[in-house]
Structures are given as structure tokens and as C-alpha cells.
Protein backbone atom coordinates (compact mmCIF):
# COMPACT_ATOMS: atom_id res chain seq x y z
CA MET A 1 72.34 -14.97 61.63
CA ILE A 2 72.39 -12.91 58.41
CA PRO A 3 71.98 -15.19 55.38
CA LYS A 4 74.42 -15.14 52.50
CA ILE A 5 72.62 -12.86 50.05
CA SER A 6 72.60 -13.47 46.33
CA PRO A 7 70.37 -12.16 43.51
CA SER A 8 68.86 -15.62 43.01
CA LEU A 9 67.99 -15.91 46.71
CA ILE A 10 66.30 -12.50 46.65
CA ALA A 11 64.35 -13.43 43.50
CA ARG A 12 63.17 -16.71 45.04
CA ALA A 13 62.22 -15.02 48.33
CA TYR A 14 60.17 -12.32 46.60
CA ALA A 15 58.40 -14.77 44.36
CA ASP A 16 56.23 -15.19 47.45
CA PRO A 17 53.48 -12.51 47.69
CA LEU A 18 53.76 -12.61 51.49
CA SER A 19 57.28 -11.18 51.21
CA TRP A 20 55.93 -8.23 49.22
CA LEU A 21 53.12 -7.76 51.74
CA ASN A 22 55.59 -7.59 54.62
CA LEU A 23 57.83 -5.18 52.68
CA ALA A 24 54.87 -2.90 51.97
CA VAL A 25 53.90 -2.82 55.65
CA ASP A 26 57.51 -2.13 56.67
CA LEU A 27 57.58 0.86 54.29
CA LEU A 28 54.27 2.33 55.53
CA PRO A 29 55.91 4.55 58.19
CA ILE A 30 57.52 6.58 55.41
CA TRP A 31 54.00 7.69 54.52
CA ALA A 32 53.37 8.53 58.18
CA ILE A 33 56.43 10.81 58.21
CA PHE A 34 55.40 12.85 55.17
CA GLN A 35 51.63 12.68 55.67
CA PHE A 36 51.30 12.99 59.44
CA GLY A 37 54.63 14.43 60.54
CA TRP A 38 55.79 11.43 62.57
CA GLY A 39 59.12 11.71 64.33
CA ALA A 40 61.29 9.17 66.12
CA THR A 41 59.01 8.73 69.14
CA PRO A 42 55.96 7.29 67.31
CA LEU A 43 58.25 5.09 65.22
CA VAL A 44 59.92 3.60 68.28
CA ALA A 45 56.51 3.19 69.92
CA LEU A 46 55.13 1.46 66.80
CA TYR A 47 58.04 -0.98 66.72
CA TRP A 48 57.46 -1.75 70.41
CA LEU A 49 53.76 -2.37 69.71
CA GLU A 50 54.86 -4.66 66.88
CA ASN A 51 56.63 -6.79 69.48
CA LEU A 52 53.28 -7.39 71.19
CA VAL A 53 51.74 -8.52 67.90
CA ILE A 54 54.68 -10.84 67.25
CA GLY A 55 54.34 -12.32 70.73
CA LEU A 56 50.62 -12.88 70.18
CA PHE A 57 51.22 -14.84 66.99
CA ALA A 58 54.16 -16.71 68.51
CA ALA A 59 51.80 -17.92 71.26
CA ALA A 60 49.23 -18.83 68.60
CA ARG A 61 51.82 -20.86 66.66
CA MET A 62 52.96 -22.60 69.83
CA ALA A 63 49.40 -23.50 70.79
CA ALA A 64 48.22 -24.53 67.31
CA GLY A 65 51.37 -26.46 66.44
CA GLY A 66 51.57 -28.09 69.85
CA LEU A 67 47.92 -29.17 69.87
CA THR A 68 48.19 -30.52 66.32
CA GLN A 69 51.22 -32.61 67.20
CA LEU A 70 49.70 -33.63 70.52
CA GLY A 71 46.67 -34.98 68.65
CA LYS A 72 49.02 -37.09 66.52
CA GLY A 73 50.91 -38.35 69.59
CA MET A 74 54.10 -36.59 68.48
CA ILE A 75 54.68 -34.60 71.70
CA SER A 76 53.48 -34.64 75.29
CA GLY A 77 50.82 -32.32 76.64
CA ALA A 78 53.36 -30.64 78.92
CA GLY A 79 54.94 -28.92 75.94
CA VAL A 80 51.66 -27.18 75.16
CA PHE A 81 49.95 -26.67 78.50
CA PHE A 82 53.04 -25.41 80.32
CA LEU A 83 55.14 -23.63 77.72
CA VAL A 84 52.37 -21.51 76.20
CA PRO A 85 51.25 -19.89 79.51
CA PHE A 86 54.88 -19.58 80.58
CA PHE A 87 55.72 -17.79 77.34
CA ILE A 88 52.79 -15.38 77.69
CA VAL A 89 53.82 -14.37 81.21
CA HIS A 90 57.56 -14.26 80.55
CA TYR A 91 57.36 -12.53 77.17
CA GLY A 92 54.78 -10.08 78.53
CA ALA A 93 57.14 -9.13 81.37
CA PHE A 94 60.04 -8.89 78.92
CA CYS A 95 58.08 -6.54 76.65
CA PHE A 96 56.93 -4.49 79.64
CA GLY A 97 60.50 -3.95 80.79
CA HIS A 98 61.59 -3.18 77.26
CA GLY A 99 58.66 -0.77 76.86
CA ILE A 100 59.58 1.07 80.06
CA PHE A 101 63.08 1.61 78.70
CA ILE A 102 61.79 2.79 75.31
CA ALA A 103 59.21 5.15 76.86
CA SER A 104 61.70 6.59 79.33
CA PHE A 105 64.18 7.14 76.53
CA ALA A 106 61.68 8.74 74.14
CA SER A 107 59.45 10.55 76.68
CA PRO A 108 61.29 11.01 80.02
CA GLU A 109 58.26 12.72 81.55
CA ILE A 110 56.28 9.48 81.49
CA GLY A 111 57.93 8.16 84.67
CA PHE A 112 57.18 4.52 85.51
CA PRO A 113 53.82 3.62 83.92
CA ASN A 114 51.83 0.47 84.54
CA PRO A 115 51.16 -1.81 81.53
CA ALA A 116 47.88 -0.09 80.62
CA GLU A 117 49.49 3.35 80.81
CA LEU A 118 52.44 2.15 78.73
CA LEU A 119 50.10 0.83 76.06
CA GLY A 120 48.12 4.06 76.13
CA TRP A 121 51.32 6.09 75.74
CA ALA A 122 52.43 4.04 72.74
CA LEU A 123 49.05 4.39 71.01
CA THR A 124 49.02 8.18 71.40
CA THR A 125 52.57 9.03 70.34
CA GLY A 126 51.60 9.76 66.73
CA PRO A 127 48.49 10.43 64.62
CA HIS A 128 46.68 7.30 63.41
CA ILE A 129 49.26 4.95 64.94
CA ALA A 130 46.51 2.42 65.65
CA TRP A 131 45.90 2.03 61.90
CA PHE A 132 49.56 1.31 61.28
CA LEU A 133 49.45 -1.24 64.10
CA ALA A 134 46.39 -2.79 62.45
CA ALA A 135 48.36 -3.15 59.20
CA ILE A 136 51.13 -4.95 61.09
CA PHE A 137 48.54 -7.23 62.70
CA ALA A 138 46.94 -7.97 59.32
CA ALA A 139 50.30 -8.86 57.74
CA ASN A 140 51.14 -11.21 60.62
CA LEU A 141 47.67 -12.75 60.41
CA ALA A 142 48.16 -13.38 56.68
CA VAL A 143 51.50 -15.11 57.36
CA PHE A 144 49.90 -17.20 60.12
CA LEU A 145 46.92 -18.29 58.01
CA ILE A 146 48.65 -18.71 54.63
CA HIS A 147 52.11 -19.91 55.61
CA PHE A 148 51.73 -21.54 59.01
CA ILE A 149 48.28 -23.08 58.53
CA GLY A 150 47.73 -23.22 54.76
CA ARG A 151 51.21 -24.38 53.77
CA GLY A 152 51.45 -27.00 56.47
CA GLU A 153 54.11 -25.48 58.72
CA ILE A 154 51.81 -26.19 61.67
CA ALA A 155 52.64 -29.92 61.42
CA ARG A 156 56.37 -29.22 61.72
CA ALA A 157 56.29 -26.44 64.34
CA ASN A 158 58.78 -26.77 67.18
CA VAL A 159 57.10 -25.38 70.30
CA ALA A 160 60.37 -24.57 72.06
CA ALA A 161 61.84 -22.90 68.95
CA GLU A 162 58.69 -20.83 68.42
CA MET A 163 58.92 -19.70 72.05
CA ALA A 164 62.53 -18.57 71.71
CA ALA A 165 62.28 -16.84 68.34
CA PRO A 166 60.71 -13.49 69.39
CA TYR A 167 63.38 -12.76 72.02
CA GLY A 168 66.29 -12.85 69.61
CA ARG A 169 64.30 -10.73 67.17
CA ILE A 170 63.69 -8.04 69.79
CA VAL A 171 67.30 -7.91 70.91
CA THR A 172 68.72 -7.82 67.38
CA LEU A 173 66.25 -5.36 65.90
CA HIS A 174 65.88 -2.99 68.79
CA LEU A 175 69.56 -2.58 69.51
CA ALA A 176 69.80 -1.26 65.98
CA ILE A 177 66.64 0.81 66.35
CA ILE A 178 67.85 2.38 69.59
CA LEU A 179 71.07 3.43 67.85
CA GLY A 180 69.00 4.95 65.07
CA ALA A 181 66.74 6.67 67.59
CA MET A 182 69.75 8.15 69.38
CA PHE A 183 70.83 9.59 66.05
CA ALA A 184 67.34 10.95 65.40
CA PHE A 185 67.01 12.57 68.84
CA GLY A 186 70.57 13.85 69.03
CA THR A 187 71.28 15.45 65.67
CA ASP A 188 70.11 18.50 63.76
CA GLU A 189 68.75 16.24 61.03
CA PRO A 190 65.71 14.53 62.64
CA LEU A 191 64.26 13.53 59.26
CA MET A 192 67.41 11.61 58.39
CA GLY A 193 67.23 9.93 61.78
CA VAL A 194 63.68 8.67 61.39
CA LEU A 195 64.37 7.53 57.82
CA LEU A 196 67.36 5.61 59.20
CA LEU A 197 65.02 3.93 61.72
CA ILE A 198 62.74 2.81 58.91
CA LEU A 199 65.66 1.66 56.77
CA ILE A 200 66.92 -0.51 59.64
CA ARG A 201 63.46 -2.05 60.04
CA VAL A 202 63.07 -2.66 56.30
CA ALA A 203 66.50 -4.29 56.08
CA PHE A 204 65.61 -6.56 59.00
CA GLY A 205 62.34 -7.54 57.31
CA ILE A 206 64.19 -8.41 54.10
CA ILE A 207 66.59 -10.62 56.06
CA LEU A 208 63.64 -12.43 57.65
CA SER A 209 62.14 -13.08 54.19
CA LEU A 210 65.45 -14.43 52.94
CA ARG A 211 65.81 -16.71 55.96
CA LEU A 212 62.29 -18.05 55.39
CA ARG A 213 63.24 -18.85 51.79
CA ILE A 214 66.41 -20.60 52.91
CA LYS A 215 64.30 -22.66 55.33
CA ARG A 216 62.01 -23.72 52.49
CA ASP A 217 64.96 -24.61 50.28
CA ARG A 218 66.33 -26.78 53.08
CA GLN A 219 62.98 -28.52 53.49
CA LEU A 220 62.80 -29.21 49.76
CA ALA A 221 66.35 -30.60 49.83
CA GLU A 222 65.30 -32.99 52.59
CA GLY A 223 62.69 -34.52 50.32
CA MET A 224 59.52 -32.54 50.95
CA THR A 225 57.17 -32.08 48.04
CA PRO A 226 56.56 -28.56 46.71
CA GLU A 227 52.93 -28.84 47.73
CA SER A 228 53.79 -29.49 51.37
CA ALA A 229 56.58 -26.93 51.67
CA PRO A 230 55.94 -23.21 52.25
CA LEU A 231 56.47 -20.99 49.23
């Protein structure tokens, strides 16, 4: 759901340095376009690789939050020891199927690759794409360590909600990205198409930052102290 946007909400959201970090990483592909000549294919591949990173940290949040709450007797072990492996297998298969579609759309000659071939394709679609993936990984690691661990979100993590979150993100974001990619591949203005792809991704990242701020505001309204709530 898109939050109701106001100047004060934006100001509060971007008072958090993590929001600026995520925005900077989302804007990095613009540099790749003008510095390395990226087109739509490496952008789509990078956003697919980002899904894998998001899934990795979703599994980490599920495991860390579940084990923390299990140690306090707040949940049963089944929520941790069943849901985490189930998520890894199910989300992995979901991303594989999604990756096949993306690869077939962007590079029809690829055929039906296995997971290793699909990963290899994605990592070779554009110059230095691995470094851009590393930046995405670093930003997600910072959010995990600073927000989830450091700001105490680990104690309130809902294992089932953490498991479901990446799926909706993929569907919402990548429907928009596919439309942008179709524009990029199908028009005489490929630069405008790839810039549209990045704009869609940046807008989605801003919405995520605003939703995180709304979540913190709600926690504060429920009586949490500023020290215990995420910034």
C-alpha cells in the first residue's frame, strides 16, 4: 500500500541516514548508464539479483528474530525450524521461475538455464555488475545490523510477516519494471527507457522508506520509547 505522502513525512523519513544510503544505492545505476553504457538488460538483471539479496536478509531476519523470541519463550520452535527452510526453498524456486522469465524476455537466446547458468547470465549482462550488487548487499547489511539488530526490531519481528514480505515486493516492483523494460526494448529512445526503469526503482525505494517511518511513528504512538524504536 502506498502511504499518504506529506512533506513532514518525507522530512522525518530522511532524517534517518539509512534512508539516504538506500537512495544513493538506488541511484547508482544512473552512473552505470553514463559510465559503462548499461542498457535495459543489465538493469533488469541487477534488479533480479537484488531479489536474491532481499531473500537472504529476509531469511536472516526470520532466523534471528525467531531464535531471539524462542529463547524468551515467546514462540514455538516450529516457527523457526520449519518456516526458515521452507522459505529458502520456496522463495528460491519463486526467484528461479521469475529469473527464467526475465532472462527469456531480455535475452531470448539463453533458452532454459539451470540456476547456476541463470546466475552467471545475470552477473555478465553488464560491466562491473558485481560491484553494483555488492553495494546493494552492503546497504541491506547496514539496515539489518543498524535497524533490525541495533534498534531492537529483532525483538518484535514477526516470522510469518518477514516470510511474506519479499513476495509482495517482487510482484509490485517487477510488474512496473517489466513495463519499463518493454518501453526500453520497444522504442527508439532506449536511454529514456532505462532511465524510466531507474526512476521506478527509486520511487519504490522512497515508498519503502516512508512506510518504515510510518511504522516507527505507530510504534511510538503505542508507547515505545524513542530509544527502543527504530529511527
